């Protein structure tokens, strides 16, 4: 009989070199944490028009406060379709400081009539920039006021709905009737 001398290799456990992985984590974790700190998400609460009876909708629609964003001006209407004030753009941009002043006056006059109005409809034309729309929502929602020697955000009309602005030709036709 032949006797073969077979050597079996013993399996050694491989050593893991995690030095490069640890170096990667040392750099990656602080970078990700810094990015988390600087990214903020803003949430704007909007109301969508509801489905309701046509007669209730027409009666309710007439008492709406509207902020109509146009290419050359901003109209403030109350009740719906009846212009309170037209604020022309300044240097091609909406004059939101004047719009805020007019909305504050409307809120004050409604308060004198014991009307607690918190809703407003922003109607915009096609092609209105997103930045303008958000600025209009911020302007309509609140304004800066000084109370007891500190600056606070006073509430104007926090419940905002969005819609499409009617054509100006349509408005002029209904105004003539």
N, C-alpha and C. Protein backbone atom coordinates (compact mmCIF):
# COMPACT_ATOMS: atom_id res chain seq x y z
N UNK A 1 0.80 -1.16 0.00
CA UNK A 1 0.00 0.00 0.00
C UNK A 1 0.86 1.24 0.00
N UNK A 2 0.41 2.07 -0.78
CA UNK A 2 1.11 3.33 -0.85
C UNK A 2 0.56 4.30 0.19
N UNK A 3 1.44 4.90 0.77
CA UNK A 3 1.03 5.85 1.77
C UNK A 3 1.38 7.25 1.26
N UNK A 4 0.35 8.00 1.07
CA UNK A 4 0.55 9.36 0.58
C UNK A 4 0.58 10.32 1.76
N UNK A 5 1.49 11.15 1.63
CA UNK A 5 1.62 12.14 2.68
C UNK A 5 0.85 13.40 2.24
N UNK A 6 -0.34 13.55 2.73
CA UNK A 6 -1.20 14.68 2.37
C UNK A 6 -1.17 15.68 3.51
N UNK A 7 -0.82 16.88 3.12
CA UNK A 7 -0.84 17.94 4.12
C UNK A 7 -2.10 18.77 3.92
N UNK A 8 -2.77 18.91 4.93
CA UNK A 8 -3.97 19.76 4.89
C UNK A 8 -3.62 21.11 5.45
N UNK A 9 -4.11 22.09 4.72
CA UNK A 9 -3.86 23.44 5.18
C UNK A 9 -4.87 23.81 6.24
N UNK A 10 -4.42 24.39 7.20
CA UNK A 10 -5.34 24.87 8.23
C UNK A 10 -5.83 26.25 7.80
N UNK A 11 -7.10 26.45 7.92
CA UNK A 11 -7.70 27.73 7.51
C UNK A 11 -7.47 28.77 8.59
N UNK A 12 -6.82 29.81 8.17
CA UNK A 12 -6.61 30.92 9.08
C UNK A 12 -7.67 31.98 8.79
N UNK A 13 -8.14 32.62 9.81
CA UNK A 13 -9.13 33.69 9.66
C UNK A 13 -8.43 34.89 9.06
N UNK A 14 -9.09 35.47 8.06
CA UNK A 14 -8.51 36.64 7.41
C UNK A 14 -8.71 37.86 8.31
N UNK A 15 -7.73 38.67 8.37
CA UNK A 15 -7.84 39.87 9.17
C UNK A 15 -8.43 40.97 8.31
N UNK A 16 -9.40 41.69 8.87
CA UNK A 16 -10.03 42.79 8.16
C UNK A 16 -9.27 44.08 8.44
N UNK A 17 -8.96 44.77 7.39
CA UNK A 17 -8.30 46.06 7.54
C UNK A 17 -9.36 47.14 7.34
N UNK A 18 -9.84 47.69 8.42
CA UNK A 18 -10.93 48.68 8.33
C UNK A 18 -10.41 50.11 8.49
N UNK A 19 -9.15 50.29 8.35
CA UNK A 19 -8.57 51.63 8.51
C UNK A 19 -9.13 52.60 7.48
N UNK A 20 -9.22 52.19 6.22
CA UNK A 20 -9.74 53.09 5.19
C UNK A 20 -11.23 53.37 5.41
N UNK A 21 -11.98 52.38 5.86
CA UNK A 21 -13.40 52.59 6.14
C UNK A 21 -13.60 53.58 7.28
N UNK A 22 -12.79 53.47 8.30
CA UNK A 22 -12.89 54.39 9.43
C UNK A 22 -12.51 55.81 9.01
N UNK A 23 -11.54 55.93 8.13
CA UNK A 23 -11.17 57.25 7.62
C UNK A 23 -12.33 57.85 6.84
N UNK A 24 -13.01 57.04 6.05
CA UNK A 24 -14.17 57.51 5.29
C UNK A 24 -15.28 57.98 6.22
N UNK A 25 -15.58 57.22 7.25
CA UNK A 25 -16.63 57.59 8.19
C UNK A 25 -16.27 58.86 8.97
N UNK A 26 -14.99 59.01 9.27
CA UNK A 26 -14.54 60.20 9.99
C UNK A 26 -14.81 61.46 9.19
N UNK A 27 -14.71 61.37 7.88
CA UNK A 27 -14.98 62.52 7.01
C UNK A 27 -16.46 62.63 6.68
N UNK A 28 -17.11 61.52 6.39
CA UNK A 28 -18.48 61.52 5.90
C UNK A 28 -19.51 61.95 6.95
N UNK A 29 -19.40 61.47 8.16
CA UNK A 29 -20.39 61.77 9.19
C UNK A 29 -20.47 63.27 9.49
N UNK A 30 -19.37 63.98 9.73
CA UNK A 30 -19.51 65.44 9.98
C UNK A 30 -20.06 66.20 8.77
N UNK A 31 -19.69 65.79 7.56
CA UNK A 31 -20.22 66.46 6.37
C UNK A 31 -21.72 66.28 6.28
N UNK A 32 -22.22 65.08 6.51
CA UNK A 32 -23.67 64.83 6.47
C UNK A 32 -24.39 65.60 7.58
N UNK A 33 -23.81 65.66 8.75
CA UNK A 33 -24.44 66.41 9.84
C UNK A 33 -24.50 67.90 9.55
N UNK A 34 -23.45 68.43 8.95
CA UNK A 34 -23.47 69.86 8.59
C UNK A 34 -24.54 70.15 7.55
N UNK A 35 -24.71 69.26 6.58
CA UNK A 35 -25.74 69.46 5.56
C UNK A 35 -27.14 69.39 6.16
N UNK A 36 -27.34 68.57 7.16
CA UNK A 36 -28.65 68.47 7.79
C UNK A 36 -29.01 69.77 8.51
N UNK A 37 -28.04 70.41 9.10
CA UNK A 37 -28.29 71.64 9.84
C UNK A 37 -28.73 72.76 8.90
N UNK A 38 -28.16 72.83 7.70
CA UNK A 38 -28.44 73.95 6.81
C UNK A 38 -29.62 73.73 5.88
N UNK A 39 -30.19 72.54 5.84
CA UNK A 39 -31.35 72.34 4.98
C UNK A 39 -32.61 72.40 5.84
N UNK A 40 -33.45 73.37 5.54
CA UNK A 40 -34.71 73.56 6.27
C UNK A 40 -35.86 73.35 5.31
N UNK A 41 -36.91 72.77 5.82
CA UNK A 41 -38.10 72.56 5.01
C UNK A 41 -39.19 73.47 5.54
N UNK A 42 -39.76 74.26 4.64
CA UNK A 42 -40.86 75.14 5.03
C UNK A 42 -42.16 74.53 4.56
N UNK A 43 -43.15 74.57 5.41
CA UNK A 43 -44.45 74.03 5.07
C UNK A 43 -45.46 75.17 5.12
N UNK A 44 -46.16 75.36 4.05
CA UNK A 44 -47.21 76.37 3.99
C UNK A 44 -48.55 75.67 4.01
N UNK A 45 -49.41 76.06 4.92
CA UNK A 45 -50.72 75.45 5.02
C UNK A 45 -51.67 76.20 4.10
N UNK A 46 -52.28 75.48 3.17
CA UNK A 46 -53.21 76.07 2.22
C UNK A 46 -54.55 75.37 2.33
N UNK A 47 -55.61 76.10 2.05
CA UNK A 47 -56.94 75.52 2.00
C UNK A 47 -57.35 75.34 0.55
N UNK A 48 -57.89 74.18 0.25
CA UNK A 48 -58.38 73.93 -1.09
C UNK A 48 -59.88 74.19 -1.12
N UNK A 49 -60.40 74.69 -2.23
CA UNK A 49 -61.83 74.94 -2.29
C UNK A 49 -62.60 73.63 -2.15
N UNK A 50 -63.66 73.67 -1.38
CA UNK A 50 -64.45 72.47 -1.14
C UNK A 50 -65.60 72.35 -2.12
N UNK A 51 -66.15 71.16 -2.20
CA UNK A 51 -67.33 70.93 -3.02
C UNK A 51 -68.55 71.22 -2.16
N UNK A 52 -69.41 72.11 -2.63
CA UNK A 52 -70.59 72.46 -1.84
C UNK A 52 -71.73 72.82 -2.77
N UNK A 53 -72.85 73.13 -2.16
CA UNK A 53 -74.04 73.54 -2.88
C UNK A 53 -73.77 74.85 -3.63
N UNK A 54 -74.28 75.01 -4.83
CA UNK A 54 -74.01 76.21 -5.64
C UNK A 54 -74.57 77.46 -4.98
N UNK A 55 -75.74 77.37 -4.35
CA UNK A 55 -76.33 78.56 -3.73
C UNK A 55 -75.52 78.99 -2.51
N UNK A 56 -75.06 78.03 -1.72
CA UNK A 56 -74.23 78.35 -0.56
C UNK A 56 -72.90 78.93 -1.03
N UNK A 57 -72.35 78.37 -2.11
CA UNK A 57 -71.07 78.83 -2.63
C UNK A 57 -71.17 80.27 -3.14
N UNK A 58 -72.26 80.62 -3.83
CA UNK A 58 -72.37 81.98 -4.35
C UNK A 58 -72.56 82.99 -3.22
N UNK A 59 -73.32 82.64 -2.18
CA UNK A 59 -73.51 83.55 -1.05
C UNK A 59 -72.20 83.71 -0.27
N UNK A 60 -71.48 82.61 -0.09
CA UNK A 60 -70.22 82.65 0.64
C UNK A 60 -69.14 83.34 -0.18
N UNK A 61 -69.15 83.12 -1.49
CA UNK A 61 -68.13 83.69 -2.37
C UNK A 61 -68.18 85.21 -2.38
N UNK A 62 -69.37 85.78 -2.22
CA UNK A 62 -69.52 87.22 -2.27
C UNK A 62 -68.86 87.91 -1.07
N UNK A 63 -68.64 87.19 0.02
CA UNK A 63 -68.02 87.78 1.21
C UNK A 63 -66.54 87.45 1.30
N UNK A 64 -65.95 87.05 0.20
CA UNK A 64 -64.54 86.69 0.17
C UNK A 64 -63.65 87.93 0.06
N UNK A 65 -62.54 87.88 0.73
CA UNK A 65 -61.49 88.88 0.58
C UNK A 65 -60.50 88.31 -0.43
N UNK A 66 -60.24 89.06 -1.50
CA UNK A 66 -59.38 88.57 -2.58
C UNK A 66 -58.14 89.44 -2.71
N UNK A 67 -57.04 88.78 -2.99
CA UNK A 67 -55.79 89.43 -3.33
C UNK A 67 -55.44 88.93 -4.73
N UNK A 68 -55.58 89.81 -5.73
CA UNK A 68 -55.40 89.41 -7.13
C UNK A 68 -54.04 89.90 -7.61
N UNK A 69 -53.18 88.96 -7.97
CA UNK A 69 -51.83 89.28 -8.45
C UNK A 69 -51.85 89.40 -9.96
N UNK A 70 -51.56 90.60 -10.47
CA UNK A 70 -51.50 90.86 -11.91
C UNK A 70 -50.06 91.19 -12.29
N UNK A 71 -49.80 91.30 -13.60
CA UNK A 71 -48.44 91.58 -14.07
C UNK A 71 -48.01 93.01 -13.75
N UNK A 72 -48.95 93.94 -13.67
CA UNK A 72 -48.58 95.33 -13.45
C UNK A 72 -49.07 95.91 -12.12
N UNK A 73 -49.93 95.16 -11.41
CA UNK A 73 -50.49 95.67 -10.17
C UNK A 73 -51.04 94.54 -9.31
N UNK A 74 -51.43 94.89 -8.10
CA UNK A 74 -52.09 93.96 -7.18
C UNK A 74 -53.41 94.59 -6.78
N UNK A 75 -54.51 93.85 -6.98
CA UNK A 75 -55.83 94.33 -6.57
C UNK A 75 -56.24 93.66 -5.27
N UNK A 76 -56.85 94.43 -4.38
CA UNK A 76 -57.42 93.89 -3.15
C UNK A 76 -58.92 94.14 -3.23
N UNK A 77 -59.70 93.06 -3.21
CA UNK A 77 -61.15 93.13 -3.39
C UNK A 77 -61.87 92.62 -2.15
N UNK A 78 -62.91 93.36 -1.72
CA UNK A 78 -63.83 92.89 -0.69
C UNK A 78 -65.12 93.67 -0.81
N UNK A 79 -66.25 92.99 -0.93
CA UNK A 79 -66.42 91.56 -1.19
C UNK A 79 -65.89 91.20 -2.57
N UNK A 80 -65.95 89.93 -2.92
CA UNK A 80 -65.34 89.43 -4.15
C UNK A 80 -65.77 90.27 -5.35
N UNK A 81 -64.79 90.74 -6.12
CA UNK A 81 -65.06 91.52 -7.32
C UNK A 81 -65.15 93.02 -7.10
N UNK A 82 -65.29 93.47 -5.87
CA UNK A 82 -65.39 94.91 -5.57
C UNK A 82 -64.02 95.39 -5.08
N UNK A 83 -63.36 96.22 -5.87
CA UNK A 83 -61.99 96.65 -5.56
C UNK A 83 -61.96 97.60 -4.38
N UNK A 84 -61.10 97.28 -3.42
CA UNK A 84 -60.83 98.17 -2.30
C UNK A 84 -59.68 99.09 -2.66
N UNK A 85 -58.62 98.50 -3.24
CA UNK A 85 -57.42 99.27 -3.56
C UNK A 85 -56.65 98.56 -4.66
N UNK A 86 -56.07 99.34 -5.57
CA UNK A 86 -55.16 98.82 -6.58
C UNK A 86 -53.78 99.35 -6.24
N UNK A 87 -52.83 98.43 -6.06
CA UNK A 87 -51.46 98.79 -5.70
C UNK A 87 -50.57 98.49 -6.90
N UNK A 88 -50.07 99.55 -7.57
CA UNK A 88 -49.19 99.32 -8.73
C UNK A 88 -47.83 98.79 -8.30
N UNK A 89 -47.19 98.06 -9.21
CA UNK A 89 -45.85 97.52 -8.95
C UNK A 89 -44.84 98.66 -8.89
N UNK A 90 -43.79 98.46 -8.11
CA UNK A 90 -42.68 99.41 -8.01
C UNK A 90 -41.45 98.73 -8.59
N UNK A 91 -40.87 99.33 -9.62
CA UNK A 91 -39.69 98.78 -10.31
C UNK A 91 -39.94 97.35 -10.82
N UNK A 92 -41.15 97.11 -11.29
CA UNK A 92 -41.48 95.80 -11.86
C UNK A 92 -41.79 94.72 -10.84
N UNK A 93 -41.72 95.04 -9.56
CA UNK A 93 -41.99 94.07 -8.49
C UNK A 93 -43.21 94.54 -7.68
N UNK A 94 -44.01 93.59 -7.18
CA UNK A 94 -45.16 93.98 -6.35
C UNK A 94 -44.72 94.72 -5.09
N UNK A 95 -45.50 95.73 -4.71
CA UNK A 95 -45.22 96.54 -3.52
C UNK A 95 -45.94 95.91 -2.33
N UNK A 96 -45.31 94.88 -1.74
CA UNK A 96 -45.96 94.15 -0.66
C UNK A 96 -46.04 94.95 0.64
N UNK A 97 -45.23 95.97 0.80
CA UNK A 97 -45.34 96.82 1.99
C UNK A 97 -46.67 97.57 1.98
N UNK A 98 -47.02 98.12 0.82
CA UNK A 98 -48.31 98.81 0.70
C UNK A 98 -49.47 97.83 0.78
N UNK A 99 -49.31 96.65 0.18
CA UNK A 99 -50.35 95.62 0.26
C UNK A 99 -50.60 95.25 1.72
N UNK A 100 -49.54 95.10 2.50
CA UNK A 100 -49.69 94.77 3.91
C UNK A 100 -50.43 95.87 4.66
N UNK A 101 -50.11 97.13 4.36
CA UNK A 101 -50.79 98.26 5.00
C UNK A 101 -52.28 98.26 4.68
N UNK A 102 -52.62 98.01 3.41
CA UNK A 102 -54.03 97.98 3.01
C UNK A 102 -54.75 96.81 3.69
N UNK A 103 -54.11 95.64 3.76
CA UNK A 103 -54.73 94.49 4.42
C UNK A 103 -54.93 94.74 5.91
N UNK A 104 -53.99 95.45 6.54
CA UNK A 104 -54.15 95.80 7.95
C UNK A 104 -55.36 96.72 8.14
N UNK A 105 -55.53 97.67 7.22
CA UNK A 105 -56.68 98.58 7.29
C UNK A 105 -58.00 97.83 7.08
N UNK A 106 -58.00 96.89 6.13
CA UNK A 106 -59.21 96.08 5.90
C UNK A 106 -59.53 95.27 7.14
N UNK A 107 -58.52 94.67 7.76
CA UNK A 107 -58.72 93.88 8.98
C UNK A 107 -59.28 94.76 10.10
N UNK A 108 -58.76 95.98 10.23
CA UNK A 108 -59.24 96.90 11.27
C UNK A 108 -60.70 97.28 11.03
N UNK A 109 -61.04 97.60 9.76
CA UNK A 109 -62.42 97.98 9.44
C UNK A 109 -63.38 96.82 9.65
N UNK A 110 -62.96 95.60 9.32
CA UNK A 110 -63.81 94.43 9.55
C UNK A 110 -63.99 94.20 11.05
N UNK A 111 -62.94 94.44 11.83
CA UNK A 111 -63.04 94.30 13.28
C UNK A 111 -64.00 95.30 13.89
N UNK A 112 -64.05 96.52 13.33
CA UNK A 112 -65.00 97.53 13.81
C UNK A 112 -66.44 97.11 13.54
N UNK A 113 -66.66 96.31 12.49
CA UNK A 113 -68.00 95.82 12.16
C UNK A 113 -68.28 94.47 12.82
N UNK A 114 -67.40 94.06 13.76
CA UNK A 114 -67.50 92.78 14.47
C UNK A 114 -67.47 91.59 13.53
N UNK A 115 -66.70 91.69 12.47
CA UNK A 115 -66.51 90.58 11.55
C UNK A 115 -65.11 90.02 11.78
N UNK A 116 -65.04 88.78 12.24
CA UNK A 116 -63.75 88.13 12.50
C UNK A 116 -63.39 87.29 11.28
N UNK A 117 -62.72 87.93 10.33
CA UNK A 117 -62.36 87.27 9.08
C UNK A 117 -60.94 86.78 9.16
N UNK A 118 -60.73 85.50 8.88
CA UNK A 118 -59.39 84.92 8.92
C UNK A 118 -58.98 84.33 7.58
N UNK A 119 -59.90 84.29 6.62
CA UNK A 119 -59.58 83.66 5.33
C UNK A 119 -59.40 84.70 4.24
N UNK A 120 -58.59 84.33 3.26
CA UNK A 120 -58.27 85.20 2.14
C UNK A 120 -58.00 84.31 0.94
N UNK A 121 -58.39 84.77 -0.23
CA UNK A 121 -58.14 84.03 -1.47
C UNK A 121 -57.11 84.80 -2.29
N UNK A 122 -56.03 84.14 -2.66
CA UNK A 122 -55.03 84.75 -3.52
C UNK A 122 -55.25 84.21 -4.93
N UNK A 123 -55.57 85.13 -5.84
CA UNK A 123 -55.80 84.77 -7.24
C UNK A 123 -54.63 85.29 -8.05
N UNK A 124 -54.03 84.42 -8.85
CA UNK A 124 -52.85 84.83 -9.61
C UNK A 124 -53.03 84.50 -11.08
N UNK A 125 -52.41 85.34 -11.91
CA UNK A 125 -52.43 85.11 -13.35
C UNK A 125 -51.46 83.99 -13.70
N UNK A 126 -51.65 83.44 -14.90
CA UNK A 126 -50.71 82.44 -15.39
C UNK A 126 -49.35 83.08 -15.51
N UNK A 127 -48.31 82.34 -15.16
CA UNK A 127 -46.95 82.85 -15.28
C UNK A 127 -46.48 83.68 -14.10
N UNK A 128 -47.26 83.73 -13.03
CA UNK A 128 -46.82 84.46 -11.83
C UNK A 128 -45.66 83.68 -11.21
N UNK A 129 -44.54 84.35 -10.93
CA UNK A 129 -43.40 83.64 -10.34
C UNK A 129 -43.74 83.06 -8.97
N UNK A 130 -43.15 81.91 -8.69
CA UNK A 130 -43.37 81.23 -7.41
C UNK A 130 -42.98 82.12 -6.24
N UNK A 131 -41.87 82.83 -6.37
CA UNK A 131 -41.38 83.71 -5.31
C UNK A 131 -42.41 84.78 -4.98
N UNK A 132 -43.06 85.34 -6.01
CA UNK A 132 -44.09 86.37 -5.81
C UNK A 132 -45.29 85.78 -5.08
N UNK A 133 -45.67 84.56 -5.45
CA UNK A 133 -46.80 83.90 -4.82
C UNK A 133 -46.53 83.64 -3.34
N UNK A 134 -45.34 83.16 -3.02
CA UNK A 134 -44.98 82.89 -1.62
C UNK A 134 -44.89 84.19 -0.83
N UNK A 135 -44.34 85.24 -1.44
CA UNK A 135 -44.26 86.54 -0.76
C UNK A 135 -45.66 87.09 -0.49
N UNK A 136 -46.57 86.89 -1.42
CA UNK A 136 -47.97 87.32 -1.22
C UNK A 136 -48.60 86.55 -0.06
N UNK A 137 -48.33 85.26 0.04
CA UNK A 137 -48.88 84.46 1.14
C UNK A 137 -48.31 84.92 2.48
N UNK A 138 -47.01 85.19 2.52
CA UNK A 138 -46.39 85.67 3.76
C UNK A 138 -46.94 87.03 4.16
N UNK A 139 -47.15 87.90 3.17
CA UNK A 139 -47.69 89.24 3.45
C UNK A 139 -49.12 89.15 3.98
N UNK A 140 -49.92 88.28 3.40
CA UNK A 140 -51.32 88.16 3.80
C UNK A 140 -51.49 87.44 5.14
N UNK A 141 -50.54 86.60 5.49
CA UNK A 141 -50.66 85.81 6.71
C UNK A 141 -50.43 86.64 7.97
N UNK A 142 -49.40 87.50 7.98
CA UNK A 142 -49.09 88.27 9.19
C UNK A 142 -48.27 89.51 8.83
N UNK A 143 -48.11 90.37 9.83
CA UNK A 143 -47.27 91.56 9.66
C UNK A 143 -46.51 91.81 10.96
N UNK A 144 -45.42 92.54 10.85
CA UNK A 144 -44.59 92.86 12.02
C UNK A 144 -45.21 94.03 12.77
N UNK A 145 -45.37 93.84 14.08
CA UNK A 145 -45.93 94.90 14.92
C UNK A 145 -45.10 95.00 16.21
N UNK A 146 -45.08 96.19 16.79
CA UNK A 146 -44.37 96.40 18.04
C UNK A 146 -45.38 96.35 19.18
N UNK A 147 -45.18 95.40 20.08
CA UNK A 147 -46.05 95.24 21.23
C UNK A 147 -45.17 95.18 22.48
N UNK A 148 -45.39 96.09 23.39
CA UNK A 148 -44.63 96.15 24.66
C UNK A 148 -43.12 96.14 24.40
N UNK A 149 -42.68 96.99 23.50
CA UNK A 149 -41.26 97.19 23.18
C UNK A 149 -40.59 95.96 22.56
N UNK A 150 -41.38 95.07 21.99
CA UNK A 150 -40.80 93.93 21.27
C UNK A 150 -41.55 93.73 19.96
N UNK A 151 -40.83 93.24 18.95
CA UNK A 151 -41.42 93.03 17.63
C UNK A 151 -42.02 91.63 17.57
N UNK A 152 -43.30 91.57 17.19
CA UNK A 152 -44.01 90.29 17.08
C UNK A 152 -44.68 90.21 15.71
N UNK A 153 -45.05 89.00 15.31
CA UNK A 153 -45.81 88.81 14.08
C UNK A 153 -47.29 88.82 14.44
N UNK A 154 -47.99 89.86 14.02
CA UNK A 154 -49.42 89.97 14.28
C UNK A 154 -50.19 89.27 13.15
N UNK A 155 -51.26 88.63 13.49
CA UNK A 155 -52.04 87.85 12.53
C UNK A 155 -52.92 88.74 11.66
N UNK A 156 -52.92 88.45 10.37
CA UNK A 156 -53.84 89.11 9.44
C UNK A 156 -54.88 88.10 8.97
N UNK A 157 -54.55 87.36 7.94
CA UNK A 157 -55.47 86.37 7.37
C UNK A 157 -54.72 85.05 7.19
N UNK A 158 -54.66 84.20 8.23
CA UNK A 158 -53.83 83.00 8.17
C UNK A 158 -54.39 81.87 7.30
N UNK A 159 -55.68 81.87 7.02
CA UNK A 159 -56.28 80.80 6.21
C UNK A 159 -56.30 81.24 4.76
N UNK A 160 -55.35 80.73 3.99
CA UNK A 160 -55.15 81.19 2.61
C UNK A 160 -55.58 80.11 1.63
N UNK A 161 -56.35 80.53 0.62
CA UNK A 161 -56.71 79.66 -0.49
C UNK A 161 -56.12 80.25 -1.76
N UNK A 162 -55.84 79.38 -2.72
CA UNK A 162 -55.26 79.83 -3.99
C UNK A 162 -56.24 79.59 -5.13
N UNK A 163 -56.13 80.41 -6.17
CA UNK A 163 -56.97 80.24 -7.35
C UNK A 163 -56.39 81.00 -8.53
N UNK A 164 -57.04 80.83 -9.67
CA UNK A 164 -56.64 81.53 -10.89
C UNK A 164 -57.37 82.86 -10.96
N UNK A 165 -56.66 83.88 -11.35
CA UNK A 165 -57.26 85.21 -11.49
C UNK A 165 -58.12 85.25 -12.75
N UNK A 166 -59.30 85.86 -12.66
CA UNK A 166 -60.12 86.00 -13.86
C UNK A 166 -59.46 86.98 -14.82
N UNK A 167 -59.79 86.85 -16.10
CA UNK A 167 -59.24 87.77 -17.10
C UNK A 167 -59.72 89.18 -16.85
N UNK A 168 -58.90 90.17 -17.15
CA UNK A 168 -59.29 91.57 -16.92
C UNK A 168 -60.42 91.99 -17.85
N UNK A 169 -60.52 91.40 -19.05
CA UNK A 169 -61.62 91.73 -19.95
C UNK A 169 -62.94 91.29 -19.32
N UNK A 170 -62.93 90.14 -18.63
CA UNK A 170 -64.13 89.65 -17.99
C UNK A 170 -64.56 90.60 -16.87
N UNK A 171 -63.59 91.10 -16.11
CA UNK A 171 -63.89 92.03 -15.03
C UNK A 171 -64.47 93.34 -15.56
N UNK A 172 -63.91 93.85 -16.66
CA UNK A 172 -64.40 95.10 -17.22
C UNK A 172 -65.81 94.94 -17.77
N UNK A 173 -66.12 93.77 -18.32
CA UNK A 173 -67.46 93.52 -18.86
C UNK A 173 -68.49 93.47 -17.74
N UNK A 174 -68.13 92.83 -16.61
CA UNK A 174 -69.09 92.74 -15.49
C UNK A 174 -69.21 94.08 -14.78
N UNK A 175 -68.17 94.91 -14.80
CA UNK A 175 -68.23 96.22 -14.16
C UNK A 175 -69.15 97.16 -14.92
N UNK A 176 -69.25 96.98 -16.24
CA UNK A 176 -70.10 97.84 -17.05
C UNK A 176 -71.57 97.53 -16.91
N UNK A 177 -71.91 96.35 -16.43
CA UNK A 177 -73.33 95.96 -16.29
C UNK A 177 -73.97 96.55 -15.08
